[in-house]
């Protein structure tokens, strides 16, 4: 596993909880050891992506690592959103290694009956 983590092309998948309330979707991603400036989030049409990179391994001359289980390297998750959302009102916060994204739902489309003359 450690050999794979040294590979630049190695990607790990963060654990994400997804919840839905009446007015929004809420995603919480576990990103241990990641700084908020190393996380990119993007929402485009019906797709939300979370990506970034964890810090490099600190093992070396002065530190001999016995075991490494925390994920290292690049990470990526993508979610298809099966509802209309307000992409310009999405909010994200980052605290204690948890990225929380609040995606407000768009108002329901109004349908009107059309009278045929």
C-alpha atoms as a PDB file:
ATOM      1  CA  UNK A   1       0.000   0.000   0.000  1.00  0.00           C
ATOM      2  CA  UNK A   2       2.814   2.444   0.838  1.00  0.00           C
ATOM      3  CA  UNK A   3       4.398   1.874  -2.580  1.00  0.00           C
ATOM      4  CA  UNK A   4       1.139   2.804  -4.285  1.00  0.00           C
ATOM      5  CA  UNK A   5       0.901   5.979  -2.206  1.00  0.00           C
ATOM      6  CA  UNK A   6       4.313   7.145  -3.438  1.00  0.00           C
ATOM      7  CA  UNK A   7       3.031   7.023  -7.040  1.00  0.00           C
ATOM      8  CA  UNK A   8       1.949  10.491  -8.288  1.00  0.00           C
ATOM      9  CA  UNK A   9      -0.985   8.911 -10.097  1.00  0.00           C
ATOM     10  CA  UNK A  10      -2.357   7.262  -6.944  1.00  0.00           C
ATOM     11  CA  UNK A  11      -5.822   8.507  -5.983  1.00  0.00           C
ATOM     12  CA  UNK A  12      -7.690   7.791  -2.774  1.00  0.00           C
ATOM     13  CA  UNK A  13     -11.389   8.226  -2.202  1.00  0.00           C
ATOM     14  CA  UNK A  14     -12.553  10.222   0.810  1.00  0.00           C
ATOM     15  CA  UNK A  15     -15.536   8.945   2.795  1.00  0.00           C
ATOM     16  CA  UNK A  16     -18.575  11.177   2.219  1.00  0.00           C
ATOM     17  CA  UNK A  17     -21.939  11.352   3.971  1.00  0.00           C
ATOM     18  CA  UNK A  18     -24.777  12.686   1.811  1.00  0.00           C
ATOM     19  CA  UNK A  19     -28.025  13.932   3.335  1.00  0.00           C
ATOM     20  CA  UNK A  20     -31.102  15.582   1.914  1.00  0.00           C
ATOM     21  CA  UNK A  21     -33.411  18.024   3.624  1.00  0.00           C
ATOM     22  CA  UNK A  22     -36.418  19.796   2.144  1.00  0.00           C
ATOM     23  CA  UNK A  23     -34.425  22.776   0.878  1.00  0.00           C
ATOM     24  CA  UNK A  24     -30.924  21.391   0.256  1.00  0.00           C
ATOM     25  CA  UNK A  25     -28.436  18.562  -0.108  1.00  0.00           C
ATOM     26  CA  UNK A  26     -25.661  18.386   2.488  1.00  0.00           C
ATOM     27  CA  UNK A  27     -22.389  16.543   1.872  1.00  0.00           C
ATOM     28  CA  UNK A  28     -19.725  15.949   4.521  1.00  0.00           C
ATOM     29  CA  UNK A  29     -16.351  14.635   3.348  1.00  0.00           C
ATOM     30  CA  UNK A  30     -13.677  13.292   5.720  1.00  0.00           C
ATOM     31  CA  UNK A  31     -10.318  14.755   4.706  1.00  0.00           C
ATOM     32  CA  UNK A  32      -7.847  13.928   7.519  1.00  0.00           C
ATOM     33  CA  UNK A  33      -4.665  15.978   7.482  1.00  0.00           C
ATOM     34  CA  UNK A  34      -5.780  18.106   4.533  1.00  0.00           C
ATOM     35  CA  UNK A  35      -5.655  21.917   4.642  1.00  0.00           C
ATOM     36  CA  UNK A  36      -8.624  23.809   3.225  1.00  0.00           C
ATOM     37  CA  UNK A  37      -6.376  25.542   0.676  1.00  0.00           C
ATOM     38  CA  UNK A  38      -5.491  22.090  -0.728  1.00  0.00           C
ATOM     39  CA  UNK A  39      -9.144  21.250  -1.511  1.00  0.00           C
ATOM     40  CA  UNK A  40     -10.954  22.153  -4.731  1.00  0.00           C
ATOM     41  CA  UNK A  41     -14.723  21.934  -5.049  1.00  0.00           C
ATOM     42  CA  UNK A  42     -16.674  22.617  -8.200  1.00  0.00           C
ATOM     43  CA  UNK A  43     -20.302  22.350  -9.176  1.00  0.00           C
ATOM     44  CA  UNK A  44     -21.227  22.425 -12.829  1.00  0.00           C
ATOM     45  CA  UNK A  45     -24.728  21.688 -14.057  1.00  0.00           C
ATOM     46  CA  UNK A  46     -25.625  18.454 -12.241  1.00  0.00           C
ATOM     47  CA  UNK A  47     -22.126  17.367 -11.115  1.00  0.00           C
ATOM     48  CA  UNK A  48     -20.268  18.190  -7.886  1.00  0.00           C
ATOM     49  CA  UNK A  49     -16.567  17.334  -7.682  1.00  0.00           C
ATOM     50  CA  UNK A  50     -14.238  17.349  -4.689  1.00  0.00           C
ATOM     51  CA  UNK A  51     -10.506  16.979  -5.323  1.00  0.00           C
ATOM     52  CA  UNK A  52      -7.113  17.848  -3.903  1.00  0.00           C
ATOM     53  CA  UNK A  53      -3.972  16.432  -2.388  1.00  0.00           C
ATOM     54  CA  UNK A  54      -2.844  15.441   1.094  1.00  0.00           C
ATOM     55  CA  UNK A  55       0.525  16.629   2.404  1.00  0.00           C
ATOM     56  CA  UNK A  56       3.649  14.684   1.469  1.00  0.00           C
ATOM     57  CA  UNK A  57       4.854  11.917   3.770  1.00  0.00           C
ATOM     58  CA  UNK A  58       7.089  13.184   6.576  1.00  0.00           C
ATOM     59  CA  UNK A  59       9.132   9.970   6.774  1.00  0.00           C
ATOM     60  CA  UNK A  60      12.798  10.412   5.989  1.00  0.00           C
ATOM     61  CA  UNK A  61      16.163  10.845   7.675  1.00  0.00           C
ATOM     62  CA  UNK A  62      14.899  12.015  11.072  1.00  0.00           C
ATOM     63  CA  UNK A  63      11.614  10.095  11.130  1.00  0.00           C
ATOM     64  CA  UNK A  64      11.243   6.376  10.609  1.00  0.00           C
ATOM     65  CA  UNK A  65       7.619   5.481   9.895  1.00  0.00           C
ATOM     66  CA  UNK A  66       6.522   2.146  11.316  1.00  0.00           C
ATOM     67  CA  UNK A  67       3.014   2.198   9.891  1.00  0.00           C
ATOM     68  CA  UNK A  68       1.132   4.565   7.597  1.00  0.00           C
ATOM     69  CA  UNK A  69      -2.614   4.153   7.323  1.00  0.00           C
ATOM     70  CA  UNK A  70      -3.789   7.718   6.754  1.00  0.00           C
ATOM     71  CA  UNK A  71      -4.399   8.299   3.044  1.00  0.00           C
ATOM     72  CA  UNK A  72      -1.720  10.176   1.121  1.00  0.00           C
ATOM     73  CA  UNK A  73      -1.641  11.648  -2.341  1.00  0.00           C
ATOM     74  CA  UNK A  74      -4.371  12.935  -4.619  1.00  0.00           C
ATOM     75  CA  UNK A  75      -8.049  12.462  -3.846  1.00  0.00           C
ATOM     76  CA  UNK A  76     -11.176  12.775  -5.966  1.00  0.00           C
ATOM     77  CA  UNK A  77     -14.943  12.281  -5.632  1.00  0.00           C
ATOM     78  CA  UNK A  78     -17.754  13.198  -8.024  1.00  0.00           C
ATOM     79  CA  UNK A  79     -21.486  13.250  -7.363  1.00  0.00           C
ATOM     80  CA  UNK A  80     -24.342  13.524  -9.838  1.00  0.00           C
ATOM     81  CA  UNK A  81     -27.140  15.639  -8.419  1.00  0.00           C
ATOM     82  CA  UNK A  82     -30.535  14.446  -9.581  1.00  0.00           C
ATOM     83  CA  UNK A  83     -32.400  17.668  -8.846  1.00  0.00           C
ATOM     84  CA  UNK A  84     -32.311  21.290  -9.888  1.00  0.00           C
ATOM     85  CA  UNK A  85     -30.031  23.266  -7.577  1.00  0.00           C
ATOM     86  CA  UNK A  86     -28.956  26.878  -7.081  1.00  0.00           C
ATOM     87  CA  UNK A  87     -25.331  26.560  -8.170  1.00  0.00           C
ATOM     88  CA  UNK A  88     -24.626  30.225  -7.371  1.00  0.00           C
ATOM     89  CA  UNK A  89     -25.765  29.730  -3.737  1.00  0.00           C
ATOM     90  CA  UNK A  90     -23.652  26.661  -2.835  1.00  0.00           C
ATOM     91  CA  UNK A  91     -21.702  27.128   0.421  1.00  0.00           C
ATOM     92  CA  UNK A  92     -18.740  25.154   1.729  1.00  0.00           C
ATOM     93  CA  UNK A  93     -17.014  25.133   5.111  1.00  0.00           C
ATOM     94  CA  UNK A  94     -14.037  23.213   6.468  1.00  0.00           C
ATOM     95  CA  UNK A  95     -13.513  22.385  10.134  1.00  0.00           C
ATOM     96  CA  UNK A  96     -11.633  19.641  11.998  1.00  0.00           C
ATOM     97  CA  UNK A  97     -10.850  17.737   8.794  1.00  0.00           C
ATOM     98  CA  UNK A  98     -14.491  17.708   7.617  1.00  0.00           C
ATOM     99  CA  UNK A  99     -15.521  19.499   4.433  1.00  0.00           C
ATOM    100  CA  UNK A 100     -19.225  20.380   4.502  1.00  0.00           C
ATOM    101  CA  UNK A 101     -21.000  21.472   1.331  1.00  0.00           C
ATOM    102  CA  UNK A 102     -24.556  22.834   1.390  1.00  0.00           C
ATOM    103  CA  UNK A 103     -26.269  22.738  -2.011  1.00  0.00           C
ATOM    104  CA  UNK A 104     -29.613  24.577  -2.006  1.00  0.00           C
ATOM    105  CA  UNK A 105     -32.351  23.156  -4.188  1.00  0.00           C
ATOM    106  CA  UNK A 106     -33.888  25.358  -6.868  1.00  0.00           C
ATOM    107  CA  UNK A 107     -37.544  26.214  -6.646  1.00  0.00           C
ATOM    108  CA  UNK A 108     -39.838  23.669  -8.185  1.00  0.00           C
ATOM    109  CA  UNK A 109     -40.642  24.377 -11.775  1.00  0.00           C
ATOM    110  CA  UNK A 110     -44.079  25.898 -12.083  1.00  0.00           C
ATOM    111  CA  UNK A 111     -46.324  24.199 -14.576  1.00  0.00           C
ATOM    112  CA  UNK A 112     -49.268  25.915 -16.116  1.00  0.00           C
ATOM    113  CA  UNK A 113     -52.054  24.390 -18.073  1.00  0.00           C
ATOM    114  CA  UNK A 114     -52.272  25.741 -21.570  1.00  0.00           C
ATOM    115  CA  UNK A 115     -55.740  26.357 -22.907  1.00  0.00           C
ATOM    116  CA  UNK A 116     -56.170  25.117 -26.452  1.00  0.00           C
ATOM    117  CA  UNK A 117     -58.347  27.395 -28.568  1.00  0.00           C
END
